[in-house]
Amino acid sequence: MSDCVFCRIRDGELPGSVVYRDERAIVLLDLFPVREGHCLVIPLDHHPLLQDLSPELTAHLFELARRTIRAQKRAGLDVLAHNVMVNDGREANQHVPHVHIHVIPRRGGDTLATALTWGTRMMNIFGLAKRRHRLDRLAGLLAEHFPKA
C-alpha cells in the first residue's frame, strides 16, 4: 500500500531505525516510544489485521518479539518485564492498518509514566531529527545484541 507508513519504511521511502530485517519481517524502534527501546515487529507484506496472517508468519513475528526481548536485555536496557501487544483494528487503537507487535520494555514503578506517555506520545512532533539520531544509535546497539535464533 503506497500510503502505509510501514510499507514506505520497508521500501526505503521513509526512514526507520531498523534493529533486524529478514525476508519476512522487520523489527524497528517506534518513532514515538512509550518507553526507551519500544520496538515494533512488522511483517514485510502488507496485512491490515492479525486474522490476515498465516499461522507460520504469526509464529515468526512472535519469535522475533521474543528475540527482541532478549536483545533489549542483552544490550543493558533498564528492563525487568515487557508489554507485548497487538492493537488489532481501528476500534482497538490500531493507528497504522498494518499488523505490528509492540514490544515495550518495562521496569518497576513506571506504570503512571507509561500510561501518560501512551496517551500523549504522538503529540510531540518537535525535535524529530534529534529523536531519529537517538533511535538510530539505539537500533545499532540492539542489532549488535539481537540473537541469531
Protein backbone atom coordinates (compact mmCIF):
# COMPACT_ATOMS: atom_id res chain seq x y z
CA MET A 1 0.00 0.00 0.00
CA SER A 2 1.50 3.30 -1.06
CA ASP A 3 0.07 5.30 1.85
CA CYS A 4 1.08 2.82 4.59
CA VAL A 5 3.90 4.23 6.71
CA PHE A 6 5.31 0.76 7.41
CA CYS A 7 5.29 -0.16 3.70
CA ARG A 8 7.04 3.13 2.94
CA ILE A 9 9.70 2.38 5.58
CA ARG A 10 10.08 -1.13 4.14
CA ASP A 11 10.59 0.35 0.65
CA GLY A 12 13.11 2.94 1.86
CA GLU A 13 10.82 5.91 1.15
CA LEU A 14 10.77 6.90 4.83
CA PRO A 15 13.48 6.49 7.45
CA GLY A 16 13.24 3.81 10.09
CA SER A 17 15.55 2.82 12.93
CA VAL A 18 15.94 -0.84 11.97
CA VAL A 19 17.07 -3.37 14.56
CA TYR A 20 16.60 -6.50 12.43
CA ARG A 21 15.29 -7.46 9.00
CA ASP A 22 14.82 -10.76 7.20
CA GLU A 23 12.84 -11.94 4.18
CA ARG A 24 9.50 -11.89 6.07
CA ALA A 25 9.66 -9.17 8.72
CA ILE A 26 11.35 -6.12 10.14
CA VAL A 27 11.98 -5.01 13.73
CA LEU A 28 12.32 -1.28 14.25
CA LEU A 29 12.16 1.25 17.02
CA ASP A 30 8.88 3.13 17.44
CA LEU A 31 9.28 6.78 16.43
CA PHE A 32 7.02 7.75 19.35
CA PRO A 33 8.13 5.29 22.05
CA VAL A 34 6.22 4.63 25.24
CA ARG A 35 9.47 3.61 26.98
CA GLU A 36 13.08 3.61 25.79
CA GLY A 37 13.64 0.66 23.46
CA HIS A 38 9.96 0.36 22.39
CA CYS A 39 10.15 -1.83 19.27
CA LEU A 40 7.70 -2.83 16.57
CA VAL A 41 7.77 -6.22 14.85
CA ILE A 42 6.20 -5.85 11.42
CA PRO A 43 5.59 -8.27 8.53
CA LEU A 44 7.09 -7.01 5.27
CA ASP A 45 3.94 -7.87 3.32
CA HIS A 46 1.02 -5.55 3.97
CA HIS A 47 -1.61 -7.24 6.15
CA PRO A 48 -4.09 -4.95 7.96
CA LEU A 49 -5.26 -7.43 10.63
CA LEU A 50 -3.85 -10.34 12.60
CA GLN A 51 -6.50 -12.64 11.12
CA ASP A 52 -4.96 -11.99 7.67
CA LEU A 53 -1.65 -13.67 8.62
CA SER A 54 -0.75 -17.28 8.02
CA PRO A 55 -0.01 -19.36 11.12
CA GLU A 56 3.64 -19.57 10.03
CA LEU A 57 4.03 -15.80 9.69
CA THR A 58 2.27 -15.24 13.01
CA ALA A 59 4.69 -17.64 14.70
CA HIS A 60 7.65 -15.93 13.03
CA LEU A 61 6.55 -12.48 14.21
CA PHE A 62 6.16 -13.65 17.81
CA GLU A 63 9.54 -15.41 17.64
CA LEU A 64 11.03 -12.07 16.57
CA ALA A 65 9.25 -10.41 19.51
CA ARG A 66 10.90 -12.98 21.81
CA ARG A 67 14.31 -12.28 20.27
CA THR A 68 13.70 -8.53 20.60
CA ILE A 69 13.17 -9.01 24.34
CA ARG A 70 16.46 -10.91 24.55
CA ALA A 71 18.26 -8.14 22.62
CA GLN A 72 16.86 -5.44 24.92
CA LYS A 73 18.10 -7.31 27.97
CA ARG A 74 21.50 -8.18 26.46
CA ALA A 75 22.00 -4.54 25.42
CA GLY A 76 21.65 -3.44 29.04
CA LEU A 77 18.39 -1.50 28.81
CA ASP A 78 16.71 -0.77 32.14
CA VAL A 79 14.15 -3.54 31.76
CA LEU A 80 12.58 -6.02 34.17
CA ALA A 81 9.48 -7.00 32.18
CA HIS A 82 7.68 -6.34 28.89
CA ASN A 83 4.35 -5.49 27.39
CA VAL A 84 3.93 -7.45 24.16
CA MET A 85 0.76 -6.42 22.40
CA VAL A 86 -1.13 -6.07 19.16
CA ASN A 87 -3.76 -3.40 18.57
CA ASP A 88 -5.86 -5.28 16.02
CA GLY A 89 -8.25 -2.93 14.21
CA ARG A 90 -9.13 0.76 14.38
CA GLU A 91 -11.51 0.25 17.31
CA ALA A 92 -8.62 -1.36 19.23
CA ASN A 93 -6.49 1.78 18.80
CA GLN A 94 -4.55 0.49 15.78
CA HIS A 95 -3.26 3.72 14.18
CA VAL A 96 -1.46 2.11 11.24
CA PRO A 97 -3.58 -0.50 9.43
CA HIS A 98 -0.65 -2.90 9.01
CA VAL A 99 -0.15 -5.65 11.60
CA HIS A 100 2.57 -4.82 14.11
CA ILE A 101 3.55 -6.17 17.50
CA HIS A 102 4.62 -3.70 20.17
CA VAL A 103 7.49 -4.89 22.40
CA ILE A 104 7.68 -2.37 25.23
CA PRO A 105 10.36 -2.68 27.93
CA ARG A 106 9.10 -2.07 31.45
CA ARG A 107 10.72 -1.59 34.83
CA GLY A 108 9.20 -1.43 38.27
CA GLY A 109 7.32 1.72 39.22
CA ASP A 110 6.79 3.03 35.68
CA THR A 111 3.04 2.41 35.34
CA LEU A 112 1.91 6.03 35.66
CA ALA A 113 4.64 7.35 33.37
CA THR A 114 3.85 4.64 30.81
CA ALA A 115 0.13 5.43 30.87
CA LEU A 116 0.76 9.16 30.44
CA THR A 117 3.27 8.62 27.65
CA TRP A 118 0.95 6.18 25.83
CA GLY A 119 -1.83 8.75 25.77
CA THR A 120 0.30 11.67 24.59
CA ARG A 121 3.20 10.09 22.72
CA MET A 122 2.19 11.15 19.19
CA MET A 123 1.54 14.76 20.15
CA ASN A 124 5.21 15.77 20.28
CA ILE A 125 6.32 16.18 16.68
CA PHE A 126 9.14 18.58 17.55
CA GLY A 127 12.76 17.52 17.56
CA LEU A 128 12.25 14.59 15.17
CA ALA A 129 15.79 14.85 13.74
CA LYS A 130 17.35 14.64 17.21
CA ARG A 131 14.97 11.79 18.13
CA ARG A 132 15.83 9.92 14.91
CA HIS A 133 19.56 10.19 15.68
CA ARG A 134 19.00 8.81 19.20
CA LEU A 135 16.80 5.98 17.85
CA ASP A 136 19.32 5.07 15.15
CA ARG A 137 22.08 4.76 17.79
CA LEU A 138 19.84 2.57 19.96
CA ALA A 139 18.84 0.46 16.93
CA GLY A 140 22.53 -0.21 16.28
CA LEU A 141 23.06 -1.28 19.88
CA LEU A 142 20.04 -3.60 19.81
CA ALA A 143 21.13 -5.03 16.43
CA GLU A 144 24.50 -5.96 17.94
CA HIS A 145 22.72 -7.93 20.65
CA PHE A 146 19.91 -9.43 18.54
CA PRO A 147 20.02 -13.23 18.84
CA LYS A 148 20.53 -15.25 15.68
CA ALA A 149 17.82 -17.69 16.71
